[in-house]
Amino acid sequence: MTEEEKERLKKEINSGIDKLNARLESLKGREAELEGKLRTDLQKRIADLEEKRRELLSRSSQLGYTAGEAARNLGDGVRSALKELERGVCSAWDEFRK
């Protein structure tokens, strides 16, 4: 993976994370409107998603320290993790926006 490809990937990941951050903030706003078990469930879901986001950020920061095939493999894993996180945020949003 070239340095140029790494930079494009970093921009892609950062853009995706920015969008997810906005959705997570909306979920946090929804948390104040809920009570009881629903609120607790949403808090747990948000905490889990935030942990996954931190892991994704950690993995993506490693891109600068890898080269060649290792960088390509790490990049593929980071893209996959971003898609998984996107699905998780969308699922939580669908479940708790009602």
N, C-alpha and C. Protein backbone atom coordinates (compact mmCIF):
# COMPACT_ATOMS: atom_id res chain seq x y z
N MET A 1 0.86 -1.17 0.00
CA MET A 1 0.00 0.00 0.00
C MET A 1 0.90 1.23 0.00
N THR A 2 0.66 2.12 -0.92
CA THR A 2 1.46 3.33 -1.01
C THR A 2 1.03 4.34 0.05
N GLU A 3 1.87 5.32 0.26
CA GLU A 3 1.53 6.38 1.22
C GLU A 3 0.28 7.12 0.78
N GLU A 4 0.12 7.29 -0.51
CA GLU A 4 -1.06 7.97 -1.06
C GLU A 4 -2.33 7.16 -0.75
N GLU A 5 -2.24 5.85 -0.93
CA GLU A 5 -3.38 4.98 -0.61
C GLU A 5 -3.70 5.02 0.88
N LYS A 6 -2.67 5.05 1.71
CA LYS A 6 -2.88 5.14 3.15
C LYS A 6 -3.61 6.43 3.51
N GLU A 7 -3.19 7.53 2.89
CA GLU A 7 -3.83 8.83 3.18
C GLU A 7 -5.29 8.82 2.75
N ARG A 8 -5.57 8.24 1.60
CA ARG A 8 -6.98 8.14 1.15
C ARG A 8 -7.79 7.31 2.13
N LEU A 9 -7.21 6.21 2.58
CA LEU A 9 -7.91 5.34 3.53
C LEU A 9 -8.15 6.07 4.84
N LYS A 10 -7.15 6.78 5.33
CA LYS A 10 -7.32 7.54 6.57
C LYS A 10 -8.45 8.56 6.44
N LYS A 11 -8.50 9.25 5.30
CA LYS A 11 -9.57 10.22 5.07
C LYS A 11 -10.93 9.53 5.04
N GLU A 12 -11.00 8.39 4.39
CA GLU A 12 -12.24 7.60 4.32
C GLU A 12 -12.70 7.19 5.72
N ILE A 13 -11.76 6.69 6.51
CA ILE A 13 -12.07 6.24 7.87
C ILE A 13 -12.51 7.43 8.73
N ASN A 14 -11.76 8.52 8.66
CA ASN A 14 -12.09 9.70 9.46
C ASN A 14 -13.45 10.28 9.09
N SER A 15 -13.76 10.29 7.81
CA SER A 15 -15.06 10.77 7.36
C SER A 15 -16.18 9.87 7.90
N GLY A 16 -15.97 8.57 7.82
CA GLY A 16 -16.96 7.63 8.35
C GLY A 16 -17.14 7.78 9.85
N ILE A 17 -16.05 7.97 10.56
CA ILE A 17 -16.13 8.13 12.01
C ILE A 17 -16.84 9.43 12.37
N ASP A 18 -16.57 10.50 11.61
CA ASP A 18 -17.27 11.77 11.87
C ASP A 18 -18.78 11.59 11.74
N LYS A 19 -19.21 10.87 10.71
CA LYS A 19 -20.65 10.63 10.52
C LYS A 19 -21.21 9.79 11.67
N LEU A 20 -20.44 8.78 12.09
CA LEU A 20 -20.89 7.94 13.19
C LEU A 20 -20.95 8.73 14.50
N ASN A 21 -20.01 9.62 14.70
CA ASN A 21 -20.02 10.45 15.90
C ASN A 21 -21.30 11.27 15.98
N ALA A 22 -21.71 11.81 14.85
CA ALA A 22 -22.95 12.59 14.83
C ALA A 22 -24.15 11.71 15.17
N ARG A 23 -24.19 10.51 14.64
CA ARG A 23 -25.30 9.60 14.95
C ARG A 23 -25.28 9.18 16.41
N LEU A 24 -24.08 8.96 16.96
CA LEU A 24 -23.97 8.59 18.38
C LEU A 24 -24.44 9.74 19.27
N GLU A 25 -24.13 10.95 18.89
CA GLU A 25 -24.59 12.10 19.67
C GLU A 25 -26.12 12.18 19.64
N SER A 26 -26.71 11.88 18.51
CA SER A 26 -28.17 11.85 18.42
C SER A 26 -28.74 10.77 19.33
N LEU A 27 -28.09 9.62 19.36
CA LEU A 27 -28.54 8.55 20.26
C LEU A 27 -28.43 8.99 21.71
N LYS A 28 -27.37 9.68 22.05
CA LYS A 28 -27.21 10.17 23.41
C LYS A 28 -28.33 11.15 23.76
N GLY A 29 -28.73 11.95 22.81
CA GLY A 29 -29.85 12.86 23.03
C GLY A 29 -31.15 12.10 23.26
N ARG A 30 -31.30 11.02 22.57
CA ARG A 30 -32.50 10.17 22.73
C ARG A 30 -32.52 9.52 24.10
N GLU A 31 -31.35 9.25 24.64
CA GLU A 31 -31.22 8.61 25.95
C GLU A 31 -31.96 9.40 27.03
N ALA A 32 -31.89 10.73 26.98
CA ALA A 32 -32.53 11.58 27.98
C ALA A 32 -34.06 11.46 27.93
N GLU A 33 -34.59 11.04 26.79
CA GLU A 33 -36.04 10.93 26.63
C GLU A 33 -36.59 9.59 27.09
N LEU A 34 -35.71 8.63 27.32
CA LEU A 34 -36.15 7.28 27.68
C LEU A 34 -36.08 7.07 29.19
N GLU A 35 -36.80 6.05 29.62
CA GLU A 35 -36.81 5.70 31.04
C GLU A 35 -36.60 4.20 31.20
N GLY A 36 -36.21 3.82 32.40
CA GLY A 36 -36.15 2.42 32.79
C GLY A 36 -35.24 1.58 31.94
N LYS A 37 -35.75 0.40 31.59
CA LYS A 37 -34.97 -0.60 30.87
C LYS A 37 -34.52 -0.09 29.50
N LEU A 38 -35.39 0.64 28.81
CA LEU A 38 -35.00 1.17 27.50
C LEU A 38 -33.79 2.09 27.61
N ARG A 39 -33.79 2.94 28.62
CA ARG A 39 -32.68 3.86 28.83
C ARG A 39 -31.39 3.09 29.14
N THR A 40 -31.51 2.11 30.03
CA THR A 40 -30.35 1.28 30.39
C THR A 40 -29.82 0.53 29.18
N ASP A 41 -30.73 -0.03 28.39
CA ASP A 41 -30.33 -0.76 27.19
C ASP A 41 -29.60 0.16 26.21
N LEU A 42 -30.11 1.37 26.03
CA LEU A 42 -29.47 2.32 25.13
C LEU A 42 -28.11 2.74 25.66
N GLN A 43 -27.99 2.96 26.95
CA GLN A 43 -26.70 3.32 27.54
C GLN A 43 -25.66 2.23 27.30
N LYS A 44 -26.08 0.98 27.47
CA LYS A 44 -25.16 -0.13 27.22
C LYS A 44 -24.76 -0.19 25.75
N ARG A 45 -25.73 0.00 24.88
CA ARG A 45 -25.45 -0.05 23.44
C ARG A 45 -24.48 1.07 23.06
N ILE A 46 -24.71 2.27 23.58
CA ILE A 46 -23.83 3.39 23.27
C ILE A 46 -22.42 3.11 23.78
N ALA A 47 -22.30 2.60 24.99
CA ALA A 47 -20.98 2.28 25.55
C ALA A 47 -20.26 1.26 24.67
N ASP A 48 -20.97 0.25 24.20
CA ASP A 48 -20.38 -0.77 23.34
C ASP A 48 -19.92 -0.15 22.01
N LEU A 49 -20.76 0.68 21.43
CA LEU A 49 -20.41 1.32 20.16
C LEU A 49 -19.22 2.27 20.32
N GLU A 50 -19.17 2.97 21.43
CA GLU A 50 -18.04 3.87 21.67
C GLU A 50 -16.74 3.09 21.85
N GLU A 51 -16.81 1.94 22.48
CA GLU A 51 -15.63 1.09 22.63
C GLU A 51 -15.15 0.61 21.27
N LYS A 52 -16.08 0.19 20.43
CA LYS A 52 -15.72 -0.25 19.08
C LYS A 52 -15.12 0.91 18.28
N ARG A 53 -15.64 2.11 18.48
CA ARG A 53 -15.10 3.28 17.80
C ARG A 53 -13.65 3.53 18.25
N ARG A 54 -13.40 3.42 19.56
CA ARG A 54 -12.03 3.61 20.07
C ARG A 54 -11.08 2.57 19.47
N GLU A 55 -11.53 1.32 19.39
CA GLU A 55 -10.70 0.26 18.79
C GLU A 55 -10.41 0.57 17.32
N LEU A 56 -11.43 1.04 16.62
CA LEU A 56 -11.26 1.38 15.21
C LEU A 56 -10.24 2.52 15.06
N LEU A 57 -10.35 3.52 15.88
CA LEU A 57 -9.40 4.63 15.82
C LEU A 57 -7.97 4.15 16.11
N SER A 58 -7.84 3.27 17.08
CA SER A 58 -6.53 2.73 17.42
C SER A 58 -5.94 1.95 16.25
N ARG A 59 -6.76 1.11 15.65
CA ARG A 59 -6.28 0.31 14.51
C ARG A 59 -5.93 1.20 13.33
N SER A 60 -6.76 2.22 13.07
CA SER A 60 -6.49 3.08 11.92
C SER A 60 -5.23 3.91 12.14
N SER A 61 -4.91 4.25 13.39
CA SER A 61 -3.70 5.02 13.65
C SER A 61 -2.44 4.19 13.37
N GLN A 62 -2.57 2.87 13.38
CA GLN A 62 -1.44 1.99 13.11
C GLN A 62 -1.06 1.96 11.63
N LEU A 63 -1.94 2.47 10.78
CA LEU A 63 -1.66 2.46 9.34
C LEU A 63 -0.36 3.20 9.01
N GLY A 64 -0.08 4.26 9.72
CA GLY A 64 1.12 5.03 9.45
C GLY A 64 2.40 4.27 9.74
N TYR A 65 2.31 3.21 10.52
CA TYR A 65 3.49 2.46 10.94
C TYR A 65 3.67 1.14 10.19
N THR A 66 2.78 0.86 9.25
CA THR A 66 2.87 -0.39 8.51
C THR A 66 3.15 -0.10 7.04
N ALA A 67 3.60 -1.10 6.35
CA ALA A 67 3.93 -0.91 4.93
C ALA A 67 3.51 -2.14 4.14
N GLY A 68 3.42 -1.94 2.84
CA GLY A 68 3.17 -3.04 1.92
C GLY A 68 1.93 -3.84 2.20
N GLU A 69 2.09 -5.15 2.14
CA GLU A 69 0.97 -6.08 2.31
C GLU A 69 0.36 -5.98 3.71
N ALA A 70 1.19 -5.74 4.72
CA ALA A 70 0.67 -5.60 6.09
C ALA A 70 -0.27 -4.40 6.17
N ALA A 71 0.08 -3.31 5.52
CA ALA A 71 -0.77 -2.11 5.51
C ALA A 71 -2.07 -2.40 4.76
N ARG A 72 -1.96 -3.12 3.66
CA ARG A 72 -3.16 -3.47 2.90
C ARG A 72 -4.10 -4.34 3.74
N ASN A 73 -3.54 -5.32 4.42
CA ASN A 73 -4.36 -6.19 5.28
C ASN A 73 -4.98 -5.40 6.43
N LEU A 74 -4.19 -4.53 7.04
CA LEU A 74 -4.72 -3.70 8.12
C LEU A 74 -5.81 -2.78 7.59
N GLY A 75 -5.58 -2.22 6.42
CA GLY A 75 -6.59 -1.35 5.80
C GLY A 75 -7.90 -2.08 5.54
N ASP A 76 -7.80 -3.31 5.05
CA ASP A 76 -9.00 -4.11 4.82
C ASP A 76 -9.73 -4.37 6.14
N GLY A 77 -8.98 -4.66 7.19
CA GLY A 77 -9.59 -4.90 8.50
C GLY A 77 -10.24 -3.65 9.06
N VAL A 78 -9.61 -2.51 8.84
CA VAL A 78 -10.17 -1.25 9.33
C VAL A 78 -11.45 -0.92 8.58
N ARG A 79 -11.45 -1.10 7.27
CA ARG A 79 -12.68 -0.87 6.49
C ARG A 79 -13.81 -1.78 6.98
N SER A 80 -13.48 -3.03 7.21
CA SER A 80 -14.48 -3.98 7.69
C SER A 80 -15.02 -3.56 9.06
N ALA A 81 -14.13 -3.13 9.94
CA ALA A 81 -14.54 -2.69 11.27
C ALA A 81 -15.42 -1.45 11.18
N LEU A 82 -15.12 -0.55 10.26
CA LEU A 82 -15.94 0.65 10.07
C LEU A 82 -17.34 0.26 9.62
N LYS A 83 -17.42 -0.66 8.67
CA LYS A 83 -18.74 -1.10 8.19
C LYS A 83 -19.54 -1.77 9.31
N GLU A 84 -18.86 -2.56 10.12
CA GLU A 84 -19.53 -3.22 11.25
C GLU A 84 -20.03 -2.17 12.25
N LEU A 85 -19.24 -1.17 12.51
CA LEU A 85 -19.64 -0.11 13.43
C LEU A 85 -20.82 0.68 12.85
N GLU A 86 -20.78 0.95 11.57
CA GLU A 86 -21.89 1.64 10.90
C GLU A 86 -23.19 0.84 11.05
N ARG A 87 -23.09 -0.47 10.84
CA ARG A 87 -24.29 -1.32 11.00
C ARG A 87 -24.79 -1.27 12.45
N GLY A 88 -23.88 -1.31 13.40
CA GLY A 88 -24.26 -1.26 14.81
C GLY A 88 -24.95 0.04 15.18
N VAL A 89 -24.42 1.15 14.69
CA VAL A 89 -25.02 2.46 14.98
C VAL A 89 -26.39 2.56 14.31
N CYS A 90 -26.50 2.11 13.07
CA CYS A 90 -27.80 2.14 12.37
C CYS A 90 -28.82 1.27 13.08
N SER A 91 -28.40 0.11 13.52
CA SER A 91 -29.29 -0.80 14.24
C SER A 91 -29.78 -0.16 15.53
N ALA A 92 -28.87 0.44 16.28
CA ALA A 92 -29.26 1.10 17.53
C ALA A 92 -30.19 2.27 17.24
N TRP A 93 -29.88 3.01 16.22
CA TRP A 93 -30.72 4.16 15.85
C TRP A 93 -32.13 3.68 15.51
N ASP A 94 -32.23 2.64 14.70
CA ASP A 94 -33.55 2.10 14.33
C ASP A 94 -34.31 1.59 15.56
N GLU A 95 -33.60 0.93 16.45
CA GLU A 95 -34.24 0.34 17.61
C GLU A 95 -34.72 1.39 18.63
N PHE A 96 -33.96 2.43 18.82
CA PHE A 96 -34.26 3.37 19.91
C PHE A 96 -34.85 4.71 19.47
N ARG A 97 -35.07 4.91 18.20
CA ARG A 97 -35.65 6.18 17.77
C ARG A 97 -37.16 6.20 17.92
N LYS A 98 -37.75 5.05 18.12
CA LYS A 98 -39.22 4.93 18.19
C LYS A 98 -39.76 5.59 19.43
